[in-house]
Amino acid sequence: MAVGTAAIAFIAVSGTAAQAAQTGSGKAYGGCTNSVTLWRTGGTVYANAKMTCKKKGLILRPTVALSGNNGKTFKSDGKACRKATTCTTPTVSVKATKGWTYRASNSGNATLAILGVDDEFWPISSVAHTTYKAKS
């Protein structure tokens, strides 16, 4: 509750409204789905990635990538979770610049020990992505 209150106070003081979070999802592969969430608060754009599986995987590896203005600014991070059904990356951030388009993606993969499901080379359709254009 205190964190939410602080965020609201910051927005009120800074005069910049928070942008509602946008989430994109990839197509399920091996019973797992990649998703990525992108949002803006004040002068910063944030993103994190999540992998959710129907059954526990041996290792889940979501990867978040956030870029602005076709790569002029870029941040990425990943995480590995053992014997889990859900795994979320740390949040990455970049400075918001008026007129720039920001893109966040999650190209994560997992070791699932399922016959016929590749551990490292997942199909492009499993990649999650979403975009945001900074208007101010």
Protein backbone atom coordinates (compact mmCIF):
# COMPACT_ATOMS: atom_id res chain seq x y z
CA MET A 1 0.00 0.00 0.00
CA ALA A 2 2.80 2.43 0.85
CA VAL A 3 4.54 1.83 -2.50
CA GLY A 4 1.32 2.59 -4.43
CA THR A 5 0.75 5.73 -2.37
CA ALA A 6 4.32 6.88 -3.01
CA ALA A 7 3.90 6.29 -6.75
CA ILE A 8 0.70 8.34 -6.82
CA ALA A 9 2.37 11.13 -4.85
CA PHE A 10 5.31 11.13 -7.27
CA ILE A 11 3.00 11.41 -10.28
CA ALA A 12 1.05 14.24 -8.68
CA VAL A 13 4.23 16.17 -7.86
CA SER A 14 5.93 15.55 -11.21
CA GLY A 15 2.86 16.51 -13.24
CA THR A 16 3.36 13.55 -15.58
CA ALA A 17 0.62 10.95 -15.68
CA ALA A 18 1.38 7.25 -15.56
CA GLN A 19 0.64 5.29 -18.71
CA ALA A 20 -1.45 2.15 -18.24
CA ALA A 21 0.56 -1.05 -18.54
CA GLN A 22 0.40 -2.90 -21.85
CA THR A 23 0.96 -6.65 -22.02
CA GLY A 24 1.74 -8.82 -25.03
CA SER A 25 1.84 -12.63 -25.21
CA GLY A 26 3.43 -15.11 -27.54
CA LYS A 27 1.91 -18.36 -28.77
CA ALA A 28 2.14 -21.26 -26.29
CA TYR A 29 4.93 -23.78 -26.90
CA GLY A 30 5.45 -26.95 -24.87
CA GLY A 31 2.69 -25.83 -22.49
CA CYS A 32 4.45 -22.53 -21.71
CA THR A 33 3.58 -18.95 -22.68
CA ASN A 34 5.86 -15.91 -22.76
CA SER A 35 4.44 -12.51 -21.85
CA VAL A 36 5.94 -9.03 -21.53
CA THR A 37 4.59 -5.94 -19.77
CA LEU A 38 5.54 -2.36 -20.71
CA TRP A 39 4.56 0.80 -18.83
CA ARG A 40 5.58 4.41 -18.27
CA THR A 41 5.68 6.35 -15.03
CA GLY A 42 6.92 9.93 -15.17
CA GLY A 43 10.00 10.24 -17.34
CA THR A 44 10.81 6.52 -17.39
CA VAL A 45 9.61 3.54 -19.45
CA TYR A 46 9.71 0.15 -17.70
CA ALA A 47 9.33 -3.48 -18.81
CA ASN A 48 9.53 -6.99 -17.39
CA ALA A 49 8.93 -10.45 -18.79
CA LYS A 50 7.22 -13.56 -17.47
CA MET A 51 7.00 -17.20 -18.49
CA THR A 52 4.01 -19.24 -17.33
CA CYS A 53 3.80 -23.03 -17.80
CA LYS A 54 0.97 -25.50 -17.26
CA LYS A 55 3.39 -27.93 -15.59
CA LYS A 56 6.63 -27.41 -13.70
CA GLY A 57 9.61 -27.03 -16.00
CA LEU A 58 13.15 -28.04 -15.09
CA ILE A 59 14.41 -24.52 -15.89
CA LEU A 60 12.35 -21.53 -17.12
CA ARG A 61 14.35 -18.69 -18.73
CA PRO A 62 12.32 -15.57 -19.57
CA THR A 63 14.31 -12.69 -21.10
CA VAL A 64 13.16 -9.05 -21.24
CA ALA A 65 14.46 -6.64 -23.87
CA LEU A 66 13.39 -2.98 -23.95
CA SER A 67 14.43 -0.63 -26.73
CA GLY A 68 13.60 2.94 -27.67
CA ASN A 69 13.70 4.62 -31.09
CA ASN A 70 14.82 1.48 -32.96
CA GLY A 71 17.63 0.63 -30.57
CA LYS A 72 19.05 4.09 -29.77
CA THR A 73 18.51 3.07 -26.17
CA PHE A 74 18.41 -0.57 -25.06
CA LYS A 75 18.29 -2.61 -21.84
CA SER A 76 17.83 -6.33 -21.28
CA ASP A 77 17.83 -8.84 -18.44
CA GLY A 78 16.92 -12.45 -17.84
CA LYS A 79 16.27 -14.90 -15.09
CA ALA A 80 16.38 -18.68 -14.64
CA CYS A 81 13.93 -20.41 -12.31
CA ARG A 82 14.33 -24.09 -11.45
CA LYS A 83 11.36 -26.46 -11.05
CA ALA A 84 8.78 -23.68 -11.44
CA THR A 85 5.54 -22.97 -13.27
CA THR A 86 6.09 -19.19 -13.33
CA CYS A 87 9.24 -17.09 -13.65
CA THR A 88 9.49 -13.27 -13.86
CA THR A 89 12.54 -11.22 -14.84
CA PRO A 90 13.78 -8.16 -12.99
CA THR A 91 12.34 -4.88 -14.31
CA VAL A 92 14.45 -2.88 -16.79
CA SER A 93 14.02 0.82 -17.55
CA VAL A 94 15.05 3.55 -19.98
CA LYS A 95 14.47 7.31 -20.08
CA ALA A 96 11.25 8.32 -21.88
CA THR A 97 11.73 10.69 -24.83
CA LYS A 98 8.81 12.46 -26.52
CA GLY A 99 7.98 11.01 -29.94
CA TRP A 100 10.00 7.82 -29.49
CA THR A 101 8.45 4.39 -29.90
CA TYR A 102 9.41 1.81 -27.27
CA ARG A 103 9.27 -1.93 -27.85
CA ALA A 104 9.51 -4.66 -25.22
CA SER A 105 9.89 -8.36 -25.96
CA ASN A 106 10.33 -11.72 -24.23
CA SER A 107 12.07 -14.43 -26.25
CA GLY A 108 12.40 -16.78 -23.28
CA ASN A 109 12.81 -20.55 -23.48
CA ALA A 110 12.79 -23.45 -21.04
CA THR A 111 14.16 -26.90 -20.36
CA LEU A 112 10.98 -28.93 -20.08
CA ALA A 113 12.15 -32.52 -20.67
CA ILE A 114 9.32 -33.08 -23.18
CA LEU A 115 10.04 -35.20 -26.24
CA GLY A 116 9.83 -33.06 -29.38
CA VAL A 117 10.14 -29.70 -27.56
CA ASP A 118 13.50 -28.03 -28.18
CA ASP A 119 15.13 -26.56 -25.08
CA GLU A 120 16.88 -23.61 -26.75
CA PHE A 121 15.39 -22.91 -30.16
CA TRP A 122 11.76 -21.95 -29.66
CA PRO A 123 9.61 -20.83 -32.61
CA ILE A 124 9.35 -17.11 -33.40
CA SER A 125 5.61 -17.33 -32.66
CA SER A 126 6.43 -17.92 -28.96
CA VAL A 127 8.06 -14.46 -28.64
CA ALA A 128 5.91 -11.91 -26.79
CA HIS A 129 6.09 -8.22 -27.68
CA THR A 130 4.30 -4.92 -27.17
CA THR A 131 4.95 -1.27 -28.09
CA TYR A 132 4.34 2.21 -26.67
CA LYS A 133 4.76 5.66 -28.28
CA ALA A 134 5.77 8.47 -25.91
CA LYS A 135 3.45 11.43 -26.50
CA SER A 136 5.03 13.75 -23.92
